[in-house]
Amino acid sequence: MARPKSLLLSVARLGFGTAFALPLLLASPPAGASPPAGASSLAGASSLASMAHQTTSQRAVAGIKKVPFKGTYKGTASLLIDNSSVSIPTVTGTGTATLVGKSRVSGKGSASAAAQCDPFTGKGAIAGAGGKLELSVTKSKSTGCSSGTSGPVTVSFHGVAVVLGGTGSAKGASGNLKFSGKLALKGTSGSQNGHYTVTLTGTLSLKN
């Protein structure tokens, strides 16, 4: 059945946005008319495809568990400060954290010492009786700032650690953890051993 010209003109006058509805108006059958042969089959197939897509998406979401994480640690860091560079051969400590409970932290890293605030990076792990997390500190998002240029100093540091994976209770863990803490040093050159405290927080994704 032909559409009245007045209807088409009315749609056209409504503007560009309504043009998207025009194919639907033209495709819909007139009142009392039967749908074209095969239309029900096509609609059913489309509905089944949509349901299958939704089920797949729900399964993907259901396979990931979000876990709020918090850990606090204290320990010792060994540094070798040589002009504008700093190597951090060992970092050790103990504390508690989500997923792994009472645990130990260990790692190593490096930093610049060109200014009073400098970037640093490193890799480490948090290991408890029931699980372990592997971490990597993002240099572009991590900074340490010294309270002075000589004598006893306190280094305030903060940054982002990427969780590379986990085992046990932390199996398949991924995500980013923000951390902040303080490190006390007796000097700003040569070999230094200092005590630190640090807190890590964030949300981890675990595979069910």
N, C-alpha and C. Protein backbone atom coordinates (compact mmCIF):
# COMPACT_ATOMS: atom_id res chain seq x y z
N MET A 1 0.86 -1.20 0.00
CA MET A 1 0.00 0.00 0.00
C MET A 1 0.88 1.24 0.00
N ALA A 2 0.58 2.20 -0.84
CA ALA A 2 1.38 3.43 -0.92
C ALA A 2 1.14 4.28 0.32
N ARG A 3 2.18 4.94 0.79
CA ARG A 3 2.06 5.83 1.94
C ARG A 3 1.51 7.18 1.49
N PRO A 4 0.62 7.78 2.26
CA PRO A 4 0.11 9.12 1.91
C PRO A 4 1.26 10.10 1.83
N LYS A 5 1.20 10.97 0.84
CA LYS A 5 2.26 11.97 0.69
C LYS A 5 2.34 12.87 1.91
N SER A 6 1.18 13.13 2.52
CA SER A 6 1.18 14.00 3.70
C SER A 6 2.03 13.44 4.81
N LEU A 7 2.08 12.08 4.98
CA LEU A 7 2.88 11.44 6.02
C LEU A 7 4.36 11.63 5.74
N LEU A 8 4.78 11.40 4.50
CA LEU A 8 6.19 11.56 4.14
C LEU A 8 6.62 13.00 4.31
N LEU A 9 5.77 13.95 3.93
CA LEU A 9 6.12 15.37 4.08
C LEU A 9 6.24 15.74 5.55
N SER A 10 5.37 15.18 6.39
CA SER A 10 5.42 15.47 7.82
C SER A 10 6.72 14.99 8.42
N VAL A 11 7.17 13.79 8.02
CA VAL A 11 8.43 13.25 8.53
C VAL A 11 9.59 14.11 8.08
N ALA A 12 9.54 14.54 6.83
CA ALA A 12 10.64 15.35 6.30
C ALA A 12 10.76 16.66 7.03
N ARG A 13 9.61 17.25 7.41
CA ARG A 13 9.64 18.56 8.07
C ARG A 13 10.21 18.47 9.49
N LEU A 14 10.23 17.28 10.08
CA LEU A 14 10.71 17.15 11.45
C LEU A 14 12.22 17.28 11.56
N GLY A 15 12.94 17.18 10.48
CA GLY A 15 14.38 17.42 10.53
C GLY A 15 15.20 16.17 10.36
N PHE A 16 16.56 16.36 10.44
CA PHE A 16 17.53 15.30 10.14
C PHE A 16 17.41 14.11 11.09
N GLY A 17 17.21 14.39 12.39
CA GLY A 17 17.17 13.31 13.37
C GLY A 17 16.04 12.33 13.10
N THR A 18 14.92 12.82 12.62
CA THR A 18 13.78 11.94 12.37
C THR A 18 13.99 11.07 11.15
N ALA A 19 14.96 11.43 10.31
CA ALA A 19 15.22 10.64 9.10
C ALA A 19 15.58 9.21 9.45
N PHE A 20 16.17 9.00 10.62
CA PHE A 20 16.51 7.64 11.03
C PHE A 20 15.26 6.78 11.24
N ALA A 21 14.13 7.42 11.56
CA ALA A 21 12.89 6.67 11.78
C ALA A 21 12.15 6.39 10.49
N LEU A 22 12.50 7.07 9.40
CA LEU A 22 11.79 6.92 8.14
C LEU A 22 11.80 5.50 7.61
N PRO A 23 12.97 4.80 7.60
CA PRO A 23 12.95 3.41 7.10
C PRO A 23 12.01 2.52 7.91
N LEU A 24 11.90 2.80 9.20
CA LEU A 24 11.00 1.99 10.03
C LEU A 24 9.55 2.24 9.67
N LEU A 25 9.22 3.51 9.37
CA LEU A 25 7.86 3.84 8.98
C LEU A 25 7.50 3.18 7.66
N LEU A 26 8.45 3.22 6.73
CA LEU A 26 8.19 2.66 5.41
C LEU A 26 8.13 1.14 5.46
N ALA A 27 8.91 0.53 6.39
CA ALA A 27 8.97 -0.93 6.45
C ALA A 27 7.81 -1.54 7.19
N SER A 28 7.18 -0.76 8.09
CA SER A 28 6.10 -1.33 8.89
C SER A 28 4.86 -1.53 8.04
N PRO A 29 4.16 -2.66 8.20
CA PRO A 29 2.97 -2.94 7.40
C PRO A 29 1.81 -2.06 7.82
N PRO A 30 0.91 -1.76 6.93
CA PRO A 30 -0.29 -0.96 7.28
C PRO A 30 -1.11 -1.70 8.30
N ALA A 31 -1.97 -0.98 8.96
CA ALA A 31 -2.86 -1.58 9.97
C ALA A 31 -3.72 -2.65 9.33
N GLY A 32 -3.80 -3.81 9.94
CA GLY A 32 -4.63 -4.91 9.45
C GLY A 32 -3.95 -5.78 8.42
N ALA A 33 -2.75 -5.38 7.94
CA ALA A 33 -2.06 -6.16 6.92
C ALA A 33 -1.21 -7.23 7.57
N SER A 34 -1.01 -8.36 6.90
CA SER A 34 -0.19 -9.45 7.43
C SER A 34 1.27 -9.16 7.16
N PRO A 35 2.20 -9.53 8.07
CA PRO A 35 3.62 -9.32 7.84
C PRO A 35 4.09 -10.17 6.69
N PRO A 36 5.15 -9.75 5.99
CA PRO A 36 5.68 -10.50 4.87
C PRO A 36 6.08 -11.90 5.31
N ALA A 37 6.05 -12.84 4.35
CA ALA A 37 6.45 -14.21 4.64
C ALA A 37 7.88 -14.26 5.10
N GLY A 38 8.15 -15.02 6.16
CA GLY A 38 9.52 -15.15 6.67
C GLY A 38 9.88 -14.12 7.70
N ALA A 39 9.05 -13.08 7.91
CA ALA A 39 9.38 -12.01 8.86
C ALA A 39 9.47 -12.56 10.26
N SER A 40 8.56 -13.50 10.65
CA SER A 40 8.59 -14.07 11.99
C SER A 40 9.85 -14.86 12.23
N SER A 41 10.31 -15.58 11.20
CA SER A 41 11.53 -16.37 11.34
C SER A 41 12.74 -15.48 11.54
N LEU A 42 12.78 -14.37 10.77
CA LEU A 42 13.90 -13.44 10.90
C LEU A 42 13.91 -12.80 12.28
N ALA A 43 12.72 -12.43 12.75
CA ALA A 43 12.64 -11.81 14.08
C ALA A 43 13.08 -12.78 15.15
N GLY A 44 12.68 -14.06 15.02
CA GLY A 44 13.07 -15.07 16.00
C GLY A 44 14.56 -15.29 16.01
N ALA A 45 15.18 -15.33 14.83
CA ALA A 45 16.63 -15.53 14.74
C ALA A 45 17.37 -14.37 15.36
N SER A 46 16.86 -13.15 15.10
CA SER A 46 17.49 -11.96 15.66
C SER A 46 17.42 -11.98 17.18
N SER A 47 16.25 -12.42 17.71
CA SER A 47 16.07 -12.48 19.15
C SER A 47 17.02 -13.49 19.78
N LEU A 48 17.17 -14.65 19.13
CA LEU A 48 18.07 -15.68 19.66
C LEU A 48 19.51 -15.20 19.65
N ALA A 49 19.90 -14.51 18.59
CA ALA A 49 21.27 -14.00 18.50
C ALA A 49 21.54 -12.99 19.60
N SER A 50 20.54 -12.12 19.86
CA SER A 50 20.69 -11.13 20.93
C SER A 50 20.83 -11.79 22.29
N MET A 51 20.02 -12.84 22.54
CA MET A 51 20.08 -13.55 23.82
C MET A 51 21.43 -14.25 23.98
N ALA A 52 21.95 -14.82 22.90
CA ALA A 52 23.24 -15.50 22.96
C ALA A 52 24.35 -14.51 23.28
N HIS A 53 24.28 -13.31 22.69
CA HIS A 53 25.30 -12.28 22.95
C HIS A 53 25.26 -11.85 24.41
N GLN A 54 24.04 -11.66 24.94
CA GLN A 54 23.91 -11.25 26.34
C GLN A 54 24.43 -12.32 27.28
N THR A 55 24.16 -13.58 26.96
CA THR A 55 24.63 -14.68 27.80
C THR A 55 26.15 -14.75 27.81
N THR A 56 26.78 -14.55 26.63
CA THR A 56 28.24 -14.56 26.55
C THR A 56 28.84 -13.43 27.37
N SER A 57 28.22 -12.24 27.27
CA SER A 57 28.72 -11.08 28.03
C SER A 57 28.59 -11.32 29.52
N GLN A 58 27.46 -11.92 29.95
CA GLN A 58 27.25 -12.18 31.37
C GLN A 58 28.28 -13.18 31.89
N ARG A 59 28.60 -14.20 31.07
CA ARG A 59 29.59 -15.17 31.48
C ARG A 59 30.96 -14.52 31.63
N ALA A 60 31.30 -13.58 30.72
CA ALA A 60 32.60 -12.90 30.78
C ALA A 60 32.72 -12.10 32.07
N VAL A 61 31.61 -11.39 32.42
CA VAL A 61 31.63 -10.60 33.65
C VAL A 61 31.66 -11.52 34.87
N ALA A 62 30.90 -12.61 34.79
CA ALA A 62 30.83 -13.54 35.93
C ALA A 62 32.17 -14.20 36.19
N GLY A 63 33.05 -14.26 35.19
CA GLY A 63 34.36 -14.90 35.36
C GLY A 63 35.38 -14.03 36.04
N ILE A 64 35.05 -12.76 36.30
CA ILE A 64 35.97 -11.82 36.94
C ILE A 64 35.41 -11.36 38.28
N LYS A 65 36.22 -11.43 39.30
CA LYS A 65 35.82 -10.99 40.64
C LYS A 65 36.65 -9.79 41.05
N LYS A 66 35.99 -8.72 41.46
CA LYS A 66 36.67 -7.50 41.91
C LYS A 66 36.87 -7.56 43.42
N VAL A 67 38.12 -7.31 43.86
CA VAL A 67 38.44 -7.39 45.29
C VAL A 67 39.15 -6.11 45.73
N PRO A 68 38.58 -5.36 46.68
CA PRO A 68 39.28 -4.20 47.24
C PRO A 68 40.54 -4.68 47.97
N PHE A 69 41.66 -4.00 47.74
CA PHE A 69 42.92 -4.44 48.32
C PHE A 69 43.51 -3.33 49.19
N LYS A 70 44.08 -3.76 50.32
CA LYS A 70 44.84 -2.85 51.18
C LYS A 70 45.93 -3.63 51.88
N GLY A 71 47.13 -3.06 51.88
CA GLY A 71 48.25 -3.69 52.56
C GLY A 71 49.13 -2.64 53.24
N THR A 72 49.65 -2.96 54.40
CA THR A 72 50.57 -2.06 55.11
C THR A 72 51.83 -2.85 55.48
N TYR A 73 52.99 -2.23 55.24
CA TYR A 73 54.26 -2.93 55.48
C TYR A 73 55.30 -1.96 56.05
N LYS A 74 56.26 -2.54 56.74
CA LYS A 74 57.40 -1.79 57.22
C LYS A 74 58.63 -2.69 57.14
N GLY A 75 59.78 -2.06 56.90
CA GLY A 75 60.98 -2.87 56.75
C GLY A 75 62.21 -2.02 56.45
N THR A 76 63.15 -2.61 55.72
CA THR A 76 64.43 -1.97 55.46
C THR A 76 64.71 -1.94 53.95
N ALA A 77 65.27 -0.83 53.50
CA ALA A 77 65.69 -0.68 52.11
C ALA A 77 67.17 -0.33 52.08
N SER A 78 67.91 -1.00 51.22
CA SER A 78 69.34 -0.71 51.04
C SER A 78 69.52 0.09 49.76
N LEU A 79 70.24 1.20 49.85
CA LEU A 79 70.45 2.07 48.70
C LEU A 79 71.94 2.30 48.48
N LEU A 80 72.33 2.50 47.22
CA LEU A 80 73.68 2.93 46.87
C LEU A 80 73.52 4.20 46.05
N ILE A 81 73.84 5.35 46.69
CA ILE A 81 73.64 6.65 46.05
C ILE A 81 74.97 7.11 45.46
N ASP A 82 75.01 7.24 44.14
CA ASP A 82 76.24 7.60 43.43
C ASP A 82 75.95 8.77 42.50
N ASN A 83 76.28 9.98 42.95
CA ASN A 83 76.03 11.20 42.20
C ASN A 83 74.56 11.32 41.79
N SER A 84 74.26 11.16 40.49
CA SER A 84 72.88 11.38 40.03
C SER A 84 72.08 10.09 39.88
N SER A 85 72.61 8.97 40.31
CA SER A 85 71.87 7.71 40.19
C SER A 85 71.80 6.99 41.53
N VAL A 86 70.76 6.21 41.69
CA VAL A 86 70.55 5.44 42.91
C VAL A 86 70.16 4.02 42.54
N SER A 87 70.86 3.06 43.08
CA SER A 87 70.44 1.67 42.93
C SER A 87 69.87 1.20 44.27
N ILE A 88 68.85 0.37 44.17
CA ILE A 88 68.18 -0.14 45.37
C ILE A 88 68.25 -1.67 45.29
N PRO A 89 69.34 -2.26 45.75
CA PRO A 89 69.53 -3.70 45.56
C PRO A 89 68.57 -4.58 46.35
N THR A 90 68.14 -4.12 47.52
CA THR A 90 67.21 -4.95 48.31
C THR A 90 66.19 -4.11 49.06
N VAL A 91 64.98 -4.61 49.06
CA VAL A 91 63.90 -4.06 49.88
C VAL A 91 63.21 -5.25 50.55
N THR A 92 63.14 -5.24 51.87
CA THR A 92 62.48 -6.32 52.59
C THR A 92 61.55 -5.73 53.65
N GLY A 93 60.52 -6.45 54.00
CA GLY A 93 59.60 -5.97 55.02
C GLY A 93 58.52 -6.98 55.34
N THR A 94 57.76 -6.69 56.38
CA THR A 94 56.66 -7.56 56.80
C THR A 94 55.41 -6.72 57.05
N GLY A 95 54.25 -7.38 56.97
CA GLY A 95 53.00 -6.68 57.22
C GLY A 95 51.82 -7.58 56.92
N THR A 96 50.69 -6.98 56.64
CA THR A 96 49.48 -7.73 56.30
C THR A 96 48.81 -7.08 55.11
N ALA A 97 48.07 -7.91 54.34
CA ALA A 97 47.36 -7.39 53.17
C ALA A 97 46.18 -8.29 52.84
N THR A 98 45.23 -7.72 52.11
CA THR A 98 44.10 -8.48 51.60
C THR A 98 44.60 -9.63 50.73
N LEU A 99 43.89 -10.72 50.74
CA LEU A 99 44.18 -11.93 49.95
C LEU A 99 45.30 -12.78 50.52
N VAL A 100 46.40 -12.16 50.97
CA VAL A 100 47.56 -12.93 51.41
C VAL A 100 47.78 -12.92 52.91
N GLY A 101 47.04 -12.09 53.65
CA GLY A 101 47.17 -12.04 55.11
C GLY A 101 48.55 -11.58 55.56
N LYS A 102 49.05 -12.18 56.65
CA LYS A 102 50.40 -11.84 57.11
C LYS A 102 51.39 -12.26 56.03
N SER A 103 52.27 -11.34 55.68
CA SER A 103 53.12 -11.61 54.52
C SER A 103 54.41 -10.80 54.56
N ARG A 104 55.28 -11.15 53.61
CA ARG A 104 56.56 -10.45 53.48
C ARG A 104 56.62 -9.77 52.12
N VAL A 105 57.26 -8.63 52.08
CA VAL A 105 57.47 -7.91 50.82
C VAL A 105 58.96 -7.93 50.50
N SER A 106 59.29 -8.09 49.23
CA SER A 106 60.68 -8.08 48.80
C SER A 106 60.76 -7.45 47.42
N GLY A 107 61.92 -6.86 47.11
CA GLY A 107 62.06 -6.25 45.80
C GLY A 107 63.39 -5.56 45.62
N LYS A 108 63.54 -4.93 44.46
CA LYS A 108 64.72 -4.14 44.14
C LYS A 108 64.33 -3.10 43.10
N GLY A 109 65.18 -2.08 42.95
CA GLY A 109 64.81 -1.04 42.00
C GLY A 109 65.94 -0.07 41.72
N SER A 110 65.59 1.05 41.13
CA SER A 110 66.57 2.08 40.80
C SER A 110 65.86 3.42 40.74
N ALA A 111 66.65 4.49 40.86
CA ALA A 111 66.08 5.83 40.85
C ALA A 111 67.12 6.83 40.36
N SER A 112 66.63 8.02 40.07
CA SER A 112 67.51 9.13 39.73
C SER A 112 67.74 9.96 40.98
N ALA A 113 68.85 10.67 41.03
CA ALA A 113 69.12 11.55 42.17
C ALA A 113 69.55 12.93 41.66
N ALA A 114 68.96 13.32 40.53
CA ALA A 114 69.34 14.58 39.91
C ALA A 114 68.72 15.79 40.60
N ALA A 115 67.62 15.58 41.29
CA ALA A 115 66.92 16.69 41.95
C ALA A 115 66.41 16.22 43.30
N GLN A 116 65.71 17.12 43.99
CA GLN A 116 65.21 16.75 45.31
C GLN A 116 64.01 15.79 45.20
N CYS A 117 63.31 15.83 44.09
CA CYS A 117 62.23 14.89 43.81
C CYS A 117 62.56 14.17 42.51
N ASP A 118 62.58 12.85 42.53
CA ASP A 118 63.00 12.09 41.37
C ASP A 118 62.12 10.86 41.17
N PRO A 119 62.00 10.40 39.92
CA PRO A 119 61.23 9.18 39.64
C PRO A 119 62.01 7.93 40.03
N PHE A 120 61.29 6.84 40.25
CA PHE A 120 61.96 5.57 40.55
C PHE A 120 61.13 4.42 40.00
N THR A 121 61.74 3.26 39.88
CA THR A 121 61.05 2.08 39.39
C THR A 121 61.59 0.85 40.10
N GLY A 122 60.98 -0.29 39.86
CA GLY A 122 61.45 -1.52 40.48
C GLY A 122 60.45 -2.63 40.34
N LYS A 123 60.84 -3.81 40.78
CA LYS A 123 59.95 -4.97 40.78
C LYS A 123 60.02 -5.65 42.13
N GLY A 124 58.92 -6.28 42.52
CA GLY A 124 58.90 -6.94 43.82
C GLY A 124 57.76 -7.91 43.94
N ALA A 125 57.59 -8.43 45.15
CA ALA A 125 56.55 -9.41 45.41
C ALA A 125 56.06 -9.30 46.84
N ILE A 126 54.80 -9.65 47.02
CA ILE A 126 54.19 -9.77 48.34
C ILE A 126 53.79 -11.23 48.50
N ALA A 127 54.35 -11.91 49.47
CA ALA A 127 54.11 -13.35 49.62
C ALA A 127 53.67 -13.70 51.03
N GLY A 128 52.55 -14.43 51.11
CA GLY A 128 52.05 -14.94 52.38
C GLY A 128 51.91 -16.44 52.31
N ALA A 129 51.39 -17.03 53.38
CA ALA A 129 51.26 -18.49 53.43
C ALA A 129 50.30 -19.01 52.37
N GLY A 130 49.27 -18.21 52.04
CA GLY A 130 48.26 -18.69 51.11
C GLY A 130 48.34 -18.16 49.69
N GLY A 131 49.20 -17.18 49.44
CA GLY A 131 49.25 -16.62 48.08
C GLY A 131 50.38 -15.63 47.90
N LYS A 132 50.55 -15.22 46.65
CA LYS A 132 51.65 -14.33 46.30
C LYS A 132 51.23 -13.39 45.18
N LEU A 133 51.69 -12.13 45.24
CA LEU A 133 51.45 -11.13 44.21
C LEU A 133 52.78 -10.66 43.63
N GLU A 134 52.84 -10.55 42.30
CA GLU A 134 54.01 -10.01 41.63
C GLU A 134 53.72 -8.57 41.22
N LEU A 135 54.65 -7.65 41.52
CA LEU A 135 54.42 -6.23 41.29
C LEU A 135 55.53 -5.60 40.44
N SER A 136 55.15 -4.54 39.71
CA SER A 136 56.12 -3.74 38.97
C SER A 136 55.77 -2.27 39.15
N VAL A 137 56.72 -1.47 39.62
CA VAL A 137 56.48 -0.05 39.88
C VAL A 137 56.60 0.74 38.57
N THR A 138 55.59 1.54 38.27
CA THR A 138 55.56 2.35 37.05
C THR A 138 56.38 3.62 37.26
N LYS A 139 57.49 3.76 36.54
CA LYS A 139 58.41 4.88 36.75
C LYS A 139 57.77 6.23 36.47
N SER A 140 56.96 6.31 35.41
CA SER A 140 56.36 7.58 35.02
C SER A 140 55.32 8.09 36.03
N LYS A 141 54.90 7.21 36.96
CA LYS A 141 53.87 7.59 37.92
C LYS A 141 54.34 7.47 39.37
N SER A 142 55.67 7.29 39.56
CA SER A 142 56.20 7.09 40.92
C SER A 142 57.34 8.06 41.20
N THR A 143 57.28 8.71 42.36
CA THR A 143 58.25 9.75 42.70
C THR A 143 58.64 9.66 44.17
N GLY A 144 59.92 9.97 44.44
CA GLY A 144 60.41 10.09 45.80
C GLY A 144 60.98 11.47 46.02
N CYS A 145 60.64 12.11 47.12
CA CYS A 145 61.11 13.47 47.42
C CYS A 145 61.84 13.49 48.76
N SER A 146 63.08 13.97 48.74
CA SER A 146 63.89 14.05 49.95
C SER A 146 63.61 15.34 50.70
N SER A 147 63.67 15.26 52.03
CA SER A 147 63.43 16.45 52.86
C SER A 147 64.63 17.39 52.88
N GLY A 148 65.78 16.93 52.37
CA GLY A 148 66.97 17.77 52.36
C GLY A 148 68.00 17.24 51.39
N THR A 149 69.15 17.92 51.33
CA THR A 149 70.21 17.52 50.41
C THR A 149 71.42 16.92 51.14
N SER A 150 71.41 16.96 52.46
CA SER A 150 72.50 16.35 53.23
C SER A 150 72.01 16.00 54.63
N GLY A 151 72.87 15.20 55.34
CA GLY A 151 72.52 14.83 56.71
C GLY A 151 71.34 13.88 56.75
N PRO A 152 70.78 13.59 57.89
CA PRO A 152 69.60 12.73 57.99
C PRO A 152 68.44 13.32 57.19
N VAL A 153 67.79 12.50 56.39
CA VAL A 153 66.66 12.98 55.58
C VAL A 153 65.52 11.95 55.64
N THR A 154 64.34 12.45 55.33
CA THR A 154 63.18 11.58 55.16
C THR A 154 62.73 11.68 53.71
N VAL A 155 62.62 10.53 53.07
CA VAL A 155 62.16 10.49 51.68
C VAL A 155 60.69 10.09 51.67
N SER A 156 59.84 10.99 51.19
CA SER A 156 58.42 10.69 51.03
C SER A 156 58.20 10.19 49.61
N PHE A 157 57.60 9.05 49.48
CA PHE A 157 57.43 8.48 48.14
C PHE A 157 56.00 8.04 47.91
N HIS A 158 55.61 8.04 46.65
CA HIS A 158 54.27 7.59 46.26
C HIS A 158 54.33 7.16 44.80
N GLY A 159 53.33 6.37 44.38
CA GLY A 159 53.32 5.94 42.99
C GLY A 159 52.29 4.88 42.70
N VAL A 160 52.51 4.18 41.59
CA VAL A 160 51.59 3.13 41.13
C VAL A 160 52.37 1.85 40.86
N ALA A 161 51.87 0.75 41.39
CA ALA A 161 52.46 -0.56 41.13
C ALA A 161 51.46 -1.40 40.35
N VAL A 162 51.91 -1.96 39.24
CA VAL A 162 51.06 -2.82 38.42
C VAL A 162 51.18 -4.26 38.92
N VAL A 163 50.05 -4.90 39.16
CA VAL A 163 50.05 -6.30 39.58
C VAL A 163 50.18 -7.18 38.33
N LEU A 164 51.28 -7.90 38.23
CA LEU A 164 51.57 -8.70 37.05
C LEU A 164 50.95 -10.09 37.09
N GLY A 165 50.54 -10.52 38.28
CA GLY A 165 49.95 -11.84 38.42
C GLY A 165 50.00 -12.29 39.86
N GLY A 166 49.48 -13.47 40.11
CA GLY A 166 49.48 -13.98 41.47
C GLY A 166 49.28 -15.48 41.50
N THR A 167 49.52 -16.04 42.67
CA THR A 167 49.33 -17.47 42.87
C THR A 167 48.53 -17.70 44.14
N GLY A 168 48.03 -18.93 44.32
CA GLY A 168 47.28 -19.26 45.52
C GLY A 168 46.00 -18.45 45.63
N SER A 169 45.79 -17.81 46.76
CA SER A 169 44.60 -17.00 46.97
C SER A 169 44.55 -15.79 46.06
N ALA A 170 45.68 -15.43 45.46
CA ALA A 170 45.75 -14.29 44.54
C ALA A 170 45.95 -14.74 43.10
N LYS A 171 45.56 -15.98 42.80
CA LYS A 171 45.78 -16.53 41.46
C LYS A 171 45.08 -15.70 40.39
N GLY A 172 45.85 -15.37 39.34
CA GLY A 172 45.29 -14.61 38.23
C GLY A 172 45.03 -13.16 38.52
N ALA A 173 45.59 -12.61 39.60
CA ALA A 173 45.32 -11.22 39.98
C ALA A 173 45.90 -10.24 38.96
N SER A 174 45.16 -9.15 38.76
CA SER A 174 45.63 -8.07 37.90
C SER A 174 45.03 -6.77 38.40
N GLY A 175 45.65 -5.64 37.99
CA GLY A 175 45.17 -4.33 38.41
C GLY A 175 46.29 -3.42 38.81
N ASN A 176 45.95 -2.22 39.25
CA ASN A 176 46.92 -1.23 39.69
C ASN A 176 46.71 -0.91 41.16
N LEU A 177 47.81 -0.78 41.88
CA LEU A 177 47.76 -0.41 43.29
C LEU A 177 48.49 0.92 43.49
N LYS A 178 47.85 1.82 44.19
CA LYS A 178 48.52 3.07 44.56
C LYS A 178 49.24 2.84 45.89
N PHE A 179 50.44 3.41 46.02
CA PHE A 179 51.17 3.26 47.27
C PHE A 179 51.77 4.59 47.71
N SER A 180 52.00 4.72 49.00
CA SER A 180 52.66 5.91 49.55
C SER A 180 53.34 5.51 50.85
N GLY A 181 54.45 6.19 51.15
CA GLY A 181 55.19 5.85 52.36
C GLY A 181 56.33 6.80 52.63
N LYS A 182 57.12 6.46 53.64
CA LYS A 182 58.27 7.28 54.02
C LYS A 182 59.47 6.37 54.28
N LEU A 183 60.64 6.90 53.93
CA LEU A 183 61.90 6.20 54.14
C LEU A 183 62.86 7.12 54.87
N ALA A 184 63.42 6.66 55.99
CA ALA A 184 64.37 7.47 56.77
C ALA A 184 65.80 7.05 56.44
N LEU A 185 66.63 8.01 56.04
CA LEU A 185 68.03 7.75 55.72
C LEU A 185 68.94 8.64 56.56
N LYS A 186 70.11 8.10 56.91
CA LYS A 186 71.07 8.89 57.70
C LYS A 186 71.89 9.83 56.84
N GLY A 187 72.01 9.52 55.55
CA GLY A 187 72.80 10.37 54.67
C GLY A 187 72.26 10.35 53.25
N THR A 188 72.89 11.13 52.36
CA THR A 188 72.42 11.25 50.99
C THR A 188 73.48 10.85 49.96
N SER A 189 74.48 10.10 50.41
CA SER A 189 75.50 9.62 49.47
C SER A 189 76.06 8.29 49.95
N GLY A 190 76.63 7.54 49.01
CA GLY A 190 77.22 6.26 49.36
C GLY A 190 76.18 5.20 49.71
N SER A 191 76.60 4.22 50.48
CA SER A 191 75.73 3.12 50.87
C SER A 191 74.86 3.51 52.07
N GLN A 192 73.58 3.34 51.93
CA GLN A 192 72.65 3.73 52.99
C GLN A 192 71.62 2.63 53.22
N ASN A 193 71.32 2.38 54.50
CA ASN A 193 70.25 1.46 54.88
C ASN A 193 69.21 2.25 55.66
N GLY A 194 67.97 2.21 55.22
CA GLY A 194 66.95 2.99 55.89
C GLY A 194 65.70 2.18 56.19
N HIS A 195 64.95 2.66 57.16
CA HIS A 195 63.69 2.02 57.53
C HIS A 195 62.52 2.74 56.84
N TYR A 196 61.57 1.97 56.38
CA TYR A 196 60.44 2.55 55.65
C TYR A 196 59.11 2.00 56.16
N THR A 197 58.05 2.72 55.84
CA THR A 197 56.67 2.26 56.01
C THR A 197 55.94 2.56 54.70
N VAL A 198 55.01 1.70 54.33
CA VAL A 198 54.29 1.92 53.07
C VAL A 198 52.89 1.32 53.17
N THR A 199 51.94 1.96 52.49
CA THR A 199 50.57 1.48 52.39
C THR A 199 50.20 1.37 50.92
N LEU A 200 49.57 0.26 50.56
CA LEU A 200 49.13 0.03 49.19
C LEU A 200 47.61 -0.15 49.17
N THR A 201 46.94 0.49 48.23
CA THR A 201 45.49 0.37 48.12
C THR A 201 45.08 0.30 46.65
N GLY A 202 43.93 -0.31 46.40
CA GLY A 202 43.42 -0.39 45.03
C GLY A 202 42.37 -1.49 44.92
N THR A 203 42.01 -1.80 43.70
CA THR A 203 41.06 -2.86 43.41
C THR A 203 41.68 -3.85 42.45
N LEU A 204 41.68 -5.11 42.82
CA LEU A 204 42.25 -6.16 41.98
C LEU A 204 41.15 -6.99 41.32
N SER A 205 41.47 -7.49 40.14
CA SER A 205 40.56 -8.39 39.43
C SER A 205 41.10 -9.81 39.54
N LEU A 206 40.24 -10.72 39.94
CA LEU A 206 40.62 -12.13 40.07
C LEU A 206 39.76 -12.98 39.14
N LYS A 207 40.36 -13.95 38.50
CA LYS A 207 39.62 -14.87 37.65
C LYS A 207 38.99 -15.96 38.50
N ASN A 208 37.68 -16.13 38.36
CA ASN A 208 36.98 -17.15 39.15
C ASN A 208 37.33 -18.55 38.65
